[in-house]
Amino acid sequence: MVGDKPLVQVKPHAGAAKSQPMAVRLQECLDIDDGTKERLNCYDAVLPPPAKPKAGAKAAAAKSVTECKFTKEEDERLTCYNGFVESMPKLPKS
């Protein structure tokens, strides 16, 4: 305590990772083994899926990497992300 106020723990600023372009952050996910939950979690951290997908709604084919987050099935979402990210030109990591 400092005076009558409790000490506060400060978490590292989350904006540091977000300072990189989205494409670089997505390409970093390719370093994780393909077909794993960890790679999908990496993609989902960059492009979070909606909180609750509509039940029974069939997602249209994604036209961009940002639309992959609407694919409900995890395997299909991972395949969608991989298709776009693997075809991107390699960008320098900062």
C-alpha atoms as a PDB file:
ATOM      1  CA  MET A   1       0.000   0.000   0.000  1.00  0.00           C
ATOM      2  CA  VAL A   2       1.079   3.520  -0.715  1.00  0.00           C
ATOM      3  CA  GLY A   3      -0.568   5.753   1.771  1.00  0.00           C
ATOM      4  CA  ASP A   4      -4.164   4.566   1.835  1.00  0.00           C
ATOM      5  CA  LYS A   5      -4.138   3.279  -1.773  1.00  0.00           C
ATOM      6  CA  PRO A   6      -3.348  -0.338  -2.704  1.00  0.00           C
ATOM      7  CA  LEU A   7      -0.568  -1.067  -5.181  1.00  0.00           C
ATOM      8  CA  VAL A   8      -1.756  -1.855  -8.693  1.00  0.00           C
ATOM      9  CA  GLN A   9      -0.134  -4.443 -10.945  1.00  0.00           C
ATOM     10  CA  VAL A  10       0.218  -3.211 -14.486  1.00  0.00           C
ATOM     11  CA  LYS A  11       0.083  -5.656 -17.383  1.00  0.00           C
ATOM     12  CA  PRO A  12       2.369  -5.099 -20.389  1.00  0.00           C
ATOM     13  CA  HIS A  13       0.760  -2.873 -22.990  1.00  0.00           C
ATOM     14  CA  ALA A  14      -1.099  -5.092 -25.478  1.00  0.00           C
ATOM     15  CA  GLY A  15      -0.674  -2.465 -28.182  1.00  0.00           C
ATOM     16  CA  ALA A  16       2.981  -3.431 -28.689  1.00  0.00           C
ATOM     17  CA  ALA A  17       2.110  -6.580 -30.644  1.00  0.00           C
ATOM     18  CA  LYS A  18      -0.616  -4.755 -32.532  1.00  0.00           C
ATOM     19  CA  SER A  19       1.879  -2.184 -33.791  1.00  0.00           C
ATOM     20  CA  GLN A  20       2.946  -4.695 -36.451  1.00  0.00           C
ATOM     21  CA  PRO A  21       0.879  -4.868 -39.636  1.00  0.00           C
ATOM     22  CA  MET A  22      -1.866  -7.491 -39.600  1.00  0.00           C
ATOM     23  CA  ALA A  23      -0.197  -9.381 -42.477  1.00  0.00           C
ATOM     24  CA  VAL A  24       3.038  -9.764 -40.489  1.00  0.00           C
ATOM     25  CA  ARG A  25       1.150 -11.003 -37.434  1.00  0.00           C
ATOM     26  CA  LEU A  26      -0.765 -13.511 -39.584  1.00  0.00           C
ATOM     27  CA  GLN A  27       2.437 -14.730 -41.233  1.00  0.00           C
ATOM     28  CA  GLU A  28       3.988 -15.288 -37.793  1.00  0.00           C
ATOM     29  CA  CYS A  29       1.253 -17.878 -37.226  1.00  0.00           C
ATOM     30  CA  LEU A  30       2.811 -19.948 -40.037  1.00  0.00           C
ATOM     31  CA  ASP A  31       5.730 -20.655 -37.673  1.00  0.00           C
ATOM     32  CA  ILE A  32       3.328 -22.800 -35.600  1.00  0.00           C
ATOM     33  CA  ASP A  33       2.730 -26.421 -36.694  1.00  0.00           C
ATOM     34  CA  ASP A  34       0.046 -26.651 -39.377  1.00  0.00           C
ATOM     35  CA  GLY A  35      -3.288 -28.211 -38.503  1.00  0.00           C
ATOM     36  CA  THR A  36      -2.947 -27.478 -34.789  1.00  0.00           C
ATOM     37  CA  LYS A  37      -5.237 -25.687 -32.370  1.00  0.00           C
ATOM     38  CA  GLU A  38      -2.290 -23.422 -31.500  1.00  0.00           C
ATOM     39  CA  ARG A  39      -2.093 -22.084 -35.077  1.00  0.00           C
ATOM     40  CA  LEU A  40      -5.839 -21.481 -35.136  1.00  0.00           C
ATOM     41  CA  ASN A  41      -5.583 -19.684 -31.783  1.00  0.00           C
ATOM     42  CA  CYS A  42      -2.835 -17.510 -33.268  1.00  0.00           C
ATOM     43  CA  TYR A  43      -5.026 -16.561 -36.237  1.00  0.00           C
ATOM     44  CA  ASP A  44      -8.000 -15.981 -33.928  1.00  0.00           C
ATOM     45  CA  ALA A  45      -5.872 -13.655 -31.768  1.00  0.00           C
ATOM     46  CA  VAL A  46      -5.201 -11.486 -34.835  1.00  0.00           C
ATOM     47  CA  LEU A  47      -8.755 -11.716 -36.227  1.00  0.00           C
ATOM     48  CA  PRO A  48     -11.082 -12.704 -33.363  1.00  0.00           C
ATOM     49  CA  PRO A  49     -14.169 -14.655 -34.456  1.00  0.00           C
ATOM     50  CA  PRO A  50     -17.580 -13.243 -33.529  1.00  0.00           C
ATOM     51  CA  ALA A  51     -18.702 -14.101 -30.006  1.00  0.00           C
ATOM     52  CA  LYS A  52     -21.490 -16.436 -31.103  1.00  0.00           C
ATOM     53  CA  PRO A  53     -21.857 -17.538 -34.724  1.00  0.00           C
ATOM     54  CA  LYS A  54     -25.416 -17.857 -35.981  1.00  0.00           C
ATOM     55  CA  ALA A  55     -26.666 -21.415 -35.555  1.00  0.00           C
ATOM     56  CA  GLY A  56     -27.314 -23.255 -38.779  1.00  0.00           C
ATOM     57  CA  ALA A  57     -26.020 -20.397 -40.934  1.00  0.00           C
ATOM     58  CA  LYS A  58     -23.716 -21.583 -43.689  1.00  0.00           C
ATOM     59  CA  ALA A  59     -20.889 -19.097 -44.159  1.00  0.00           C
ATOM     60  CA  ALA A  60     -20.266 -17.969 -47.718  1.00  0.00           C
ATOM     61  CA  ALA A  61     -16.815 -18.577 -49.168  1.00  0.00           C
ATOM     62  CA  ALA A  62     -14.439 -15.989 -47.773  1.00  0.00           C
ATOM     63  CA  LYS A  63     -13.291 -13.370 -50.258  1.00  0.00           C
ATOM     64  CA  SER A  64     -10.581 -12.022 -47.930  1.00  0.00           C
ATOM     65  CA  VAL A  65      -8.612 -13.236 -44.914  1.00  0.00           C
ATOM     66  CA  THR A  66     -10.719 -11.044 -42.620  1.00  0.00           C
ATOM     67  CA  GLU A  67     -13.841 -13.031 -43.566  1.00  0.00           C
ATOM     68  CA  CYS A  68     -12.332 -16.346 -42.381  1.00  0.00           C
ATOM     69  CA  LYS A  69     -13.302 -15.469 -38.806  1.00  0.00           C
ATOM     70  CA  PHE A  70     -16.957 -16.058 -39.700  1.00  0.00           C
ATOM     71  CA  THR A  71     -16.322 -19.741 -40.520  1.00  0.00           C
ATOM     72  CA  LYS A  72     -17.740 -21.664 -37.561  1.00  0.00           C
ATOM     73  CA  GLU A  73     -16.002 -25.048 -38.000  1.00  0.00           C
ATOM     74  CA  GLU A  74     -12.436 -24.843 -36.629  1.00  0.00           C
ATOM     75  CA  ASP A  75     -10.843 -27.050 -39.319  1.00  0.00           C
ATOM     76  CA  GLU A  76     -12.507 -25.046 -42.084  1.00  0.00           C
ATOM     77  CA  ARG A  77     -11.482 -21.759 -40.449  1.00  0.00           C
ATOM     78  CA  LEU A  78      -7.861 -22.918 -40.183  1.00  0.00           C
ATOM     79  CA  THR A  79      -7.887 -23.995 -43.848  1.00  0.00           C
ATOM     80  CA  CYS A  80      -9.370 -20.632 -44.829  1.00  0.00           C
ATOM     81  CA  TYR A  81      -6.667 -18.686 -42.971  1.00  0.00           C
ATOM     82  CA  ASN A  82      -3.898 -20.912 -44.348  1.00  0.00           C
ATOM     83  CA  GLY A  83      -5.108 -20.413 -47.912  1.00  0.00           C
ATOM     84  CA  PHE A  84      -4.866 -16.643 -47.687  1.00  0.00           C
ATOM     85  CA  VAL A  85      -1.784 -16.281 -45.481  1.00  0.00           C
ATOM     86  CA  GLU A  86       0.347 -18.798 -47.381  1.00  0.00           C
ATOM     87  CA  SER A  87      -0.366 -16.967 -50.651  1.00  0.00           C
ATOM     88  CA  MET A  88       0.684 -13.546 -49.287  1.00  0.00           C
ATOM     89  CA  PRO A  89       4.070 -12.175 -50.333  1.00  0.00           C
ATOM     90  CA  LYS A  90       6.520 -12.561 -47.468  1.00  0.00           C
ATOM     91  CA  LEU A  91       6.895  -9.338 -45.507  1.00  0.00           C
ATOM     92  CA  PRO A  92       9.922  -8.447 -43.374  1.00  0.00           C
ATOM     93  CA  LYS A  93       9.397  -9.086 -39.673  1.00  0.00           C
ATOM     94  CA  SER A  94       9.938  -6.020 -37.544  1.00  0.00           C
END
